[in-house]
Amino acid sequence: MKELSEKYFSNTLTEAEFQELEQALETDAAFRQEFYIELEIRQTIAQEKQHDLKERLKKLDSKPVPKTRWYLYAATITIFIAIGFFFFNAQPNYEEVYATHFEAYPNMVNLTNRSNNSQNEIAKEAFQLYDSGQFSKAAAAFEEVYKKHPLDYIHFYYGVSLMAAGNVAQGVEVLENHPWQENNNSFISSSHWYIGLGYVKLDKIPNARFYFKKVVEADNNLSAGAKEILKQLD
């Protein structure tokens, strides 16, 4: 399995090896979780090279109502807390909380080595639409892929695409009704994060608190941000 992962990340998989990897991801929960964690680490490294934290801070200081980037790092969260970003308004503006914190999850799925069958072509198209910000079309494509190829990460990006397209209630429903815990999936906390934000947008604050508390309890790199949002919702 490790050799397949290494070949995937170096873009050297053969067609047969890719099919073997795809099968392993569908059937081996432990390997799937380890694989997605590695994807996240590599994406994090790539983002760190592209975005200097000082530049982010400078941009935040120059805007009266800053919009955060998707923060995958505890260090970045610490900077936001130090600025006092979450305490600007005594009375929370839920629309503003959502608008400030919502950003589409980064695409961490490498489809370079996928075969050219029709279903994989639709998956490639879905991620291309997602990357270009065409979220309504991306959501439709992800939905089509998931019907025949029910992988957790496809479902996750389907839900996020709906929210990014403005279909917040539908996106929340999609993410909330998926058995993330049952599958021991690495997208659990990220899904809870988006569900929490969705409920903020829908002005269902008790529901939002419920999911942000789950993020806090997970004790990961989203937990600090979830704590501060909970304070802002009080």
C-alpha atoms as a PDB file:
ATOM      1  CA  MET A   1       0.000   0.000   0.000  1.00  0.00           C
ATOM      2  CA  LYS A   2       2.788   2.382   0.896  1.00  0.00           C
ATOM      3  CA  GLU A   3       4.461   1.842  -2.453  1.00  0.00           C
ATOM      4  CA  LEU A   4       1.211   2.648  -4.249  1.00  0.00           C
ATOM      5  CA  SER A   5       0.850   5.863  -2.245  1.00  0.00           C
ATOM      6  CA  GLU A   6       4.385   6.935  -3.036  1.00  0.00           C
ATOM      7  CA  LYS A   7       3.876   6.270  -6.738  1.00  0.00           C
ATOM      8  CA  TYR A   8       0.597   8.210  -6.652  1.00  0.00           C
ATOM      9  CA  PHE A   9       2.226  11.295  -5.155  1.00  0.00           C
ATOM     10  CA  SER A  10       5.092  11.090  -7.649  1.00  0.00           C
ATOM     11  CA  ASN A  11       2.639  10.636 -10.569  1.00  0.00           C
ATOM     12  CA  THR A  12       4.236   7.340 -11.632  1.00  0.00           C
ATOM     13  CA  LEU A  13       1.301   4.944 -11.199  1.00  0.00           C
ATOM     14  CA  THR A  14       0.441   2.645 -14.057  1.00  0.00           C
ATOM     15  CA  GLU A  15      -3.196   2.178 -15.005  1.00  0.00           C
ATOM     16  CA  ALA A  16      -3.303  -1.195 -13.243  1.00  0.00           C
ATOM     17  CA  GLU A  17      -1.667   0.243 -10.122  1.00  0.00           C
ATOM     18  CA  PHE A  18      -4.114   3.110 -10.055  1.00  0.00           C
ATOM     19  CA  GLN A  19      -7.038   0.722 -10.140  1.00  0.00           C
ATOM     20  CA  GLU A  20      -5.430  -1.226  -7.288  1.00  0.00           C
ATOM     21  CA  LEU A  21      -5.029   1.992  -5.287  1.00  0.00           C
ATOM     22  CA  GLU A  22      -8.606   3.042  -5.982  1.00  0.00           C
ATOM     23  CA  GLN A  23      -9.881  -0.342  -4.809  1.00  0.00           C
ATOM     24  CA  ALA A  24      -7.816  -0.095  -1.622  1.00  0.00           C
ATOM     25  CA  LEU A  25      -9.222   3.354  -0.860  1.00  0.00           C
ATOM     26  CA  GLU A  26     -12.744   2.031  -1.202  1.00  0.00           C
ATOM     27  CA  THR A  27     -12.283  -1.077   0.948  1.00  0.00           C
ATOM     28  CA  ASP A  28      -9.570  -0.286   3.516  1.00  0.00           C
ATOM     29  CA  ALA A  29     -10.733   2.403   5.972  1.00  0.00           C
ATOM     30  CA  ALA A  30      -7.396   2.630   7.803  1.00  0.00           C
ATOM     31  CA  PHE A  31      -5.427   3.025   4.597  1.00  0.00           C
ATOM     32  CA  ARG A  32      -7.967   5.536   3.259  1.00  0.00           C
ATOM     33  CA  GLN A  33      -7.603   7.698   6.361  1.00  0.00           C
ATOM     34  CA  GLU A  34      -3.799   7.531   6.222  1.00  0.00           C
ATOM     35  CA  PHE A  35      -3.863   8.390   2.518  1.00  0.00           C
ATOM     36  CA  TYR A  36      -6.090  11.450   2.958  1.00  0.00           C
ATOM     37  CA  ILE A  37      -3.960  12.672   5.864  1.00  0.00           C
ATOM     38  CA  GLU A  38      -0.916  12.493   3.577  1.00  0.00           C
ATOM     39  CA  LEU A  39      -2.869  14.444   0.937  1.00  0.00           C
ATOM     40  CA  GLU A  40      -3.640  17.124   3.502  1.00  0.00           C
ATOM     41  CA  ILE A  41      -0.016  17.357   4.634  1.00  0.00           C
ATOM     42  CA  ARG A  42       1.206  17.774   1.071  1.00  0.00           C
ATOM     43  CA  GLN A  43      -1.424  20.395   0.339  1.00  0.00           C
ATOM     44  CA  THR A  44      -0.476  22.224   3.523  1.00  0.00           C
ATOM     45  CA  ILE A  45       3.183  22.315   2.501  1.00  0.00           C
ATOM     46  CA  ALA A  46       2.267  23.601  -0.950  1.00  0.00           C
ATOM     47  CA  GLN A  47       0.079  26.334   0.498  1.00  0.00           C
ATOM     48  CA  GLU A  48       2.773  27.373   2.942  1.00  0.00           C
ATOM     49  CA  LYS A  49       5.201  27.902   0.101  1.00  0.00           C
ATOM     50  CA  GLN A  50       2.706  30.047  -1.786  1.00  0.00           C
ATOM     51  CA  HIS A  51       1.391  32.201   1.024  1.00  0.00           C
ATOM     52  CA  ASP A  52       3.668  34.032   3.397  1.00  0.00           C
ATOM     53  CA  LEU A  53       2.010  34.524   6.770  1.00  0.00           C
ATOM     54  CA  LYS A  54       3.234  38.102   7.020  1.00  0.00           C
ATOM     55  CA  GLU A  55       1.474  38.931   3.765  1.00  0.00           C
ATOM     56  CA  ARG A  56      -1.729  37.448   5.111  1.00  0.00           C
ATOM     57  CA  LEU A  57      -1.472  39.536   8.252  1.00  0.00           C
ATOM     58  CA  LYS A  58      -0.782  42.683   6.206  1.00  0.00           C
ATOM     59  CA  LYS A  59      -3.887  42.032   4.093  1.00  0.00           C
ATOM     60  CA  LEU A  60      -5.979  41.496   7.206  1.00  0.00           C
ATOM     61  CA  ASP A  61      -4.811  44.798   8.686  1.00  0.00           C
ATOM     62  CA  SER A  62      -5.660  46.675   5.483  1.00  0.00           C
ATOM     63  CA  LYS A  63      -9.305  45.546   5.338  1.00  0.00           C
ATOM     64  CA  PRO A  64     -12.072  46.893   7.610  1.00  0.00           C
ATOM     65  CA  VAL A  65     -13.929  43.573   7.422  1.00  0.00           C
ATOM     66  CA  PRO A  66     -11.303  40.919   6.694  1.00  0.00           C
ATOM     67  CA  LYS A  67     -12.059  37.620   5.016  1.00  0.00           C
ATOM     68  CA  THR A  68     -10.023  34.738   6.301  1.00  0.00           C
ATOM     69  CA  ARG A  69      -8.335  32.210   4.122  1.00  0.00           C
ATOM     70  CA  TRP A  70      -9.028  28.549   4.836  1.00  0.00           C
ATOM     71  CA  TYR A  71      -6.753  27.927   7.798  1.00  0.00           C
ATOM     72  CA  LEU A  72      -5.149  24.538   7.988  1.00  0.00           C
ATOM     73  CA  TYR A  73      -2.493  25.632  10.490  1.00  0.00           C
ATOM     74  CA  ALA A  74      -2.764  26.250  14.203  1.00  0.00           C
ATOM     75  CA  ALA A  75      -0.180  29.024  13.774  1.00  0.00           C
ATOM     76  CA  THR A  76      -2.455  30.937  11.431  1.00  0.00           C
ATOM     77  CA  ILE A  77      -5.361  30.577  13.836  1.00  0.00           C
ATOM     78  CA  THR A  78      -3.177  31.967  16.611  1.00  0.00           C
ATOM     79  CA  ILE A  79      -2.481  35.054  14.506  1.00  0.00           C
ATOM     80  CA  PHE A  80      -6.183  35.658  13.965  1.00  0.00           C
ATOM     81  CA  ILE A  81      -6.853  35.332  17.679  1.00  0.00           C
ATOM     82  CA  ALA A  82      -4.015  37.725  18.514  1.00  0.00           C
ATOM     83  CA  ILE A  83      -5.515  40.345  16.211  1.00  0.00           C
ATOM     84  CA  GLY A  84      -8.745  40.090  18.157  1.00  0.00           C
ATOM     85  CA  PHE A  85     -10.648  39.410  14.976  1.00  0.00           C
ATOM     86  CA  PHE A  86     -13.408  37.473  16.624  1.00  0.00           C
ATOM     87  CA  PHE A  87     -14.249  40.201  19.142  1.00  0.00           C
ATOM     88  CA  PHE A  88     -14.945  43.167  16.886  1.00  0.00           C
ATOM     89  CA  ASN A  89     -18.718  43.065  17.435  1.00  0.00           C
ATOM     90  CA  ALA A  90     -20.395  42.807  20.802  1.00  0.00           C
ATOM     91  CA  GLN A  91     -23.592  41.629  19.117  1.00  0.00           C
ATOM     92  CA  PRO A  92     -22.856  38.862  16.616  1.00  0.00           C
ATOM     93  CA  ASN A  93     -23.894  39.447  13.033  1.00  0.00           C
ATOM     94  CA  TYR A  94     -24.545  35.919  11.867  1.00  0.00           C
ATOM     95  CA  GLU A  95     -24.474  36.795   8.177  1.00  0.00           C
ATOM     96  CA  GLU A  96     -21.090  38.403   8.692  1.00  0.00           C
ATOM     97  CA  VAL A  97     -19.787  35.443  10.705  1.00  0.00           C
ATOM     98  CA  TYR A  98     -20.672  33.132   7.839  1.00  0.00           C
ATOM     99  CA  ALA A  99     -19.343  35.415   5.111  1.00  0.00           C
ATOM    100  CA  THR A 100     -16.108  35.939   6.993  1.00  0.00           C
ATOM    101  CA  HIS A 101     -15.347  32.312   7.750  1.00  0.00           C
ATOM    102  CA  PHE A 102     -16.753  30.436   4.790  1.00  0.00           C
ATOM    103  CA  GLU A 103     -14.336  29.502   2.052  1.00  0.00           C
ATOM    104  CA  ALA A 104     -14.413  26.474  -0.197  1.00  0.00           C
ATOM    105  CA  TYR A 105     -12.199  23.679   1.039  1.00  0.00           C
ATOM    106  CA  PRO A 106      -8.984  23.368  -0.983  1.00  0.00           C
ATOM    107  CA  ASN A 107      -8.875  20.704  -3.673  1.00  0.00           C
ATOM    108  CA  MET A 108      -6.531  18.057  -2.312  1.00  0.00           C
ATOM    109  CA  VAL A 109      -7.425  15.309  -4.774  1.00  0.00           C
ATOM    110  CA  ASN A 110      -4.918  14.508  -7.511  1.00  0.00           C
ATOM    111  CA  LEU A 111      -6.760  13.091 -10.514  1.00  0.00           C
ATOM    112  CA  THR A 112      -3.789  13.140 -12.891  1.00  0.00           C
ATOM    113  CA  ASN A 113      -3.436   9.375 -12.924  1.00  0.00           C
ATOM    114  CA  ARG A 114      -7.087   8.457 -13.196  1.00  0.00           C
ATOM    115  CA  SER A 115      -8.220   6.343 -16.121  1.00  0.00           C
ATOM    116  CA  ASN A 116     -10.233   7.839 -18.932  1.00  0.00           C
ATOM    117  CA  ASN A 117     -13.520   6.027 -18.397  1.00  0.00           C
ATOM    118  CA  SER A 118     -16.605   8.235 -18.495  1.00  0.00           C
ATOM    119  CA  GLN A 119     -17.139   8.318 -14.737  1.00  0.00           C
ATOM    120  CA  ASN A 120     -13.581   9.421 -13.984  1.00  0.00           C
ATOM    121  CA  GLU A 121     -13.818  12.047 -16.705  1.00  0.00           C
ATOM    122  CA  ILE A 122     -16.860  13.469 -14.925  1.00  0.00           C
ATOM    123  CA  ALA A 123     -14.893  13.476 -11.661  1.00  0.00           C
ATOM    124  CA  LYS A 124     -12.057  15.378 -13.337  1.00  0.00           C
ATOM    125  CA  GLU A 125     -14.543  17.826 -14.780  1.00  0.00           C
ATOM    126  CA  ALA A 126     -16.157  18.278 -11.364  1.00  0.00           C
ATOM    127  CA  PHE A 127     -12.859  19.230  -9.748  1.00  0.00           C
ATOM    128  CA  GLN A 128     -11.960  21.513 -12.644  1.00  0.00           C
ATOM    129  CA  LEU A 129     -15.268  23.320 -12.211  1.00  0.00           C
ATOM    130  CA  TYR A 130     -14.671  23.440  -8.457  1.00  0.00           C
ATOM    131  CA  ASP A 131     -11.192  24.912  -8.870  1.00  0.00           C
ATOM    132  CA  SER A 132     -12.500  27.565 -11.266  1.00  0.00           C
ATOM    133  CA  GLY A 133     -15.246  28.631  -8.857  1.00  0.00           C
ATOM    134  CA  GLN A 134     -18.143  27.245 -10.906  1.00  0.00           C
ATOM    135  CA  PHE A 135     -19.670  25.663  -7.839  1.00  0.00           C
ATOM    136  CA  SER A 136     -23.229  25.041  -9.099  1.00  0.00           C
ATOM    137  CA  LYS A 137     -21.928  23.051 -12.053  1.00  0.00           C
ATOM    138  CA  ALA A 138     -19.352  21.334  -9.825  1.00  0.00           C
ATOM    139  CA  ALA A 139     -22.093  20.267  -7.397  1.00  0.00           C
ATOM    140  CA  ALA A 140     -24.124  18.721 -10.214  1.00  0.00           C
ATOM    141  CA  ALA A 141     -21.059  16.864 -11.497  1.00  0.00           C
ATOM    142  CA  PHE A 142     -20.083  15.601  -8.026  1.00  0.00           C
ATOM    143  CA  GLU A 143     -23.642  14.410  -7.454  1.00  0.00           C
ATOM    144  CA  GLU A 144     -23.566  12.439 -10.693  1.00  0.00           C
ATOM    145  CA  VAL A 145     -20.215  10.863  -9.826  1.00  0.00           C
ATOM    146  CA  TYR A 146     -21.336   9.937  -6.313  1.00  0.00           C
ATOM    147  CA  LYS A 147     -24.418   8.085  -7.534  1.00  0.00           C
ATOM    148  CA  LYS A 148     -22.219   5.552  -9.323  1.00  0.00           C
ATOM    149  CA  HIS A 149     -18.984   5.991  -7.380  1.00  0.00           C
ATOM    150  CA  PRO A 150     -19.962   6.633  -3.718  1.00  0.00           C
ATOM    151  CA  LEU A 151     -16.658   7.729  -2.215  1.00  0.00           C
ATOM    152  CA  ASP A 152     -16.611   9.885   0.905  1.00  0.00           C
ATOM    153  CA  TYR A 153     -14.435  12.614  -0.539  1.00  0.00           C
ATOM    154  CA  ILE A 154     -16.770  13.013  -3.548  1.00  0.00           C
ATOM    155  CA  HIS A 155     -19.710  13.451  -1.163  1.00  0.00           C
ATOM    156  CA  PHE A 156     -17.752  15.991   0.897  1.00  0.00           C
ATOM    157  CA  TYR A 157     -16.894  18.158  -2.105  1.00  0.00           C
ATOM    158  CA  TYR A 158     -20.492  17.828  -3.319  1.00  0.00           C
ATOM    159  CA  GLY A 159     -21.778  19.324  -0.055  1.00  0.00           C
ATOM    160  CA  VAL A 160     -19.184  22.102   0.040  1.00  0.00           C
ATOM    161  CA  SER A 161     -19.897  22.950  -3.620  1.00  0.00           C
ATOM    162  CA  LEU A 162     -23.574  23.394  -2.820  1.00  0.00           C
ATOM    163  CA  MET A 163     -22.772  25.750   0.041  1.00  0.00           C
ATOM    164  CA  ALA A 164     -20.270  27.704  -2.044  1.00  0.00           C
ATOM    165  CA  ALA A 165     -22.936  28.052  -4.754  1.00  0.00           C
ATOM    166  CA  GLY A 166     -25.322  29.600  -2.224  1.00  0.00           C
ATOM    167  CA  ASN A 167     -27.434  26.479  -1.649  1.00  0.00           C
ATOM    168  CA  VAL A 168     -26.549  26.458   2.031  1.00  0.00           C
ATOM    169  CA  ALA A 169     -29.524  24.506   3.372  1.00  0.00           C
ATOM    170  CA  GLN A 170     -29.072  21.749   0.778  1.00  0.00           C
ATOM    171  CA  GLY A 171     -25.316  21.649   1.390  1.00  0.00           C
ATOM    172  CA  VAL A 172     -25.835  21.283   5.134  1.00  0.00           C
ATOM    173  CA  GLU A 173     -28.343  18.487   4.542  1.00  0.00           C
ATOM    174  CA  VAL A 174     -25.922  16.637   2.257  1.00  0.00           C
ATOM    175  CA  LEU A 175     -23.043  16.869   4.729  1.00  0.00           C
ATOM    176  CA  GLU A 176     -25.118  16.206   7.823  1.00  0.00           C
ATOM    177  CA  ASN A 177     -26.800  13.061   6.495  1.00  0.00           C
ATOM    178  CA  HIS A 178     -23.593  11.280   5.527  1.00  0.00           C
ATOM    179  CA  PRO A 179     -22.218   8.613   7.952  1.00  0.00           C
ATOM    180  CA  TRP A 180     -18.780  10.196   8.468  1.00  0.00           C
ATOM    181  CA  GLN A 181     -18.330   8.649  11.928  1.00  0.00           C
ATOM    182  CA  GLU A 182     -19.371   5.236  10.691  1.00  0.00           C
ATOM    183  CA  ASN A 183     -16.706   5.344   8.001  1.00  0.00           C
ATOM    184  CA  ASN A 184     -14.042   6.692  10.380  1.00  0.00           C
ATOM    185  CA  ASN A 185     -13.372   9.342   7.756  1.00  0.00           C
ATOM    186  CA  SER A 186     -10.691  12.026   7.823  1.00  0.00           C
ATOM    187  CA  PHE A 187     -13.272  14.600   6.668  1.00  0.00           C
ATOM    188  CA  ILE A 188     -15.310  14.345   9.896  1.00  0.00           C
ATOM    189  CA  SER A 189     -14.121  17.574  11.523  1.00  0.00           C
ATOM    190  CA  SER A 190     -14.084  19.499   8.257  1.00  0.00           C
ATOM    191  CA  SER A 191     -17.682  18.415   7.623  1.00  0.00           C
ATOM    192  CA  HIS A 192     -18.702  19.477  11.123  1.00  0.00           C
ATOM    193  CA  TRP A 193     -17.010  22.826  10.503  1.00  0.00           C
ATOM    194  CA  TYR A 194     -19.019  23.458   7.345  1.00  0.00           C
ATOM    195  CA  ILE A 195     -22.266  22.205   8.886  1.00  0.00           C
ATOM    196  CA  GLY A 196     -21.706  24.572  11.817  1.00  0.00           C
ATOM    197  CA  LEU A 197     -21.114  27.500   9.473  1.00  0.00           C
ATOM    198  CA  GLY A 198     -24.178  26.542   7.456  1.00  0.00           C
ATOM    199  CA  TYR A 199     -26.362  26.632  10.536  1.00  0.00           C
ATOM    200  CA  VAL A 200     -24.961  30.062  11.389  1.00  0.00           C
ATOM    201  CA  LYS A 201     -26.032  31.243   7.930  1.00  0.00           C
ATOM    202  CA  LEU A 202     -29.461  29.670   8.447  1.00  0.00           C
ATOM    203  CA  ASP A 203     -29.742  31.404  11.842  1.00  0.00           C
ATOM    204  CA  LYS A 204     -30.030  28.099  13.671  1.00  0.00           C
ATOM    205  CA  ILE A 205     -27.487  28.916  16.336  1.00  0.00           C
ATOM    206  CA  PRO A 206     -28.131  25.971  18.740  1.00  0.00           C
ATOM    207  CA  ASN A 207     -27.409  23.605  15.838  1.00  0.00           C
ATOM    208  CA  ALA A 208     -24.304  25.582  14.930  1.00  0.00           C
ATOM    209  CA  ARG A 209     -23.023  25.408  18.504  1.00  0.00           C
ATOM    210  CA  PHE A 210     -23.584  21.644  18.545  1.00  0.00           C
ATOM    211  CA  TYR A 211     -21.306  21.099  15.560  1.00  0.00           C
ATOM    212  CA  PHE A 212     -18.650  23.608  16.531  1.00  0.00           C
ATOM    213  CA  LYS A 213     -18.428  21.861  19.906  1.00  0.00           C
ATOM    214  CA  LYS A 214     -17.755  18.637  18.045  1.00  0.00           C
ATOM    215  CA  VAL A 215     -14.902  20.372  16.219  1.00  0.00           C
ATOM    216  CA  VAL A 216     -13.509  21.607  19.533  1.00  0.00           C
ATOM    217  CA  GLU A 217     -13.733  18.117  21.048  1.00  0.00           C
ATOM    218  CA  ALA A 218     -11.817  16.669  18.080  1.00  0.00           C
ATOM    219  CA  ASP A 219      -8.798  18.678  19.260  1.00  0.00           C
ATOM    220  CA  ASN A 220      -7.332  19.359  15.834  1.00  0.00           C
ATOM    221  CA  ASN A 221      -6.188  22.390  13.875  1.00  0.00           C
ATOM    222  CA  LEU A 222      -9.770  23.656  13.500  1.00  0.00           C
ATOM    223  CA  SER A 223     -10.526  23.489  17.206  1.00  0.00           C
ATOM    224  CA  ALA A 224      -9.137  26.895  18.169  1.00  0.00           C
ATOM    225  CA  GLY A 225     -11.154  28.601  15.439  1.00  0.00           C
ATOM    226  CA  ALA A 226     -14.302  26.751  16.505  1.00  0.00           C
ATOM    227  CA  LYS A 227     -13.786  27.878  20.115  1.00  0.00           C
ATOM    228  CA  GLU A 228     -13.596  31.491  19.082  1.00  0.00           C
ATOM    229  CA  ILE A 229     -16.671  31.246  16.874  1.00  0.00           C
ATOM    230  CA  LEU A 230     -18.547  29.720  19.807  1.00  0.00           C
ATOM    231  CA  LYS A 231     -17.549  32.725  21.914  1.00  0.00           C
ATOM    232  CA  GLN A 232     -18.782  35.044  19.182  1.00  0.00           C
ATOM    233  CA  LEU A 233     -22.121  33.235  19.012  1.00  0.00           C
ATOM    234  CA  ASP A 234     -22.756  33.668  22.747  1.00  0.00           C
END
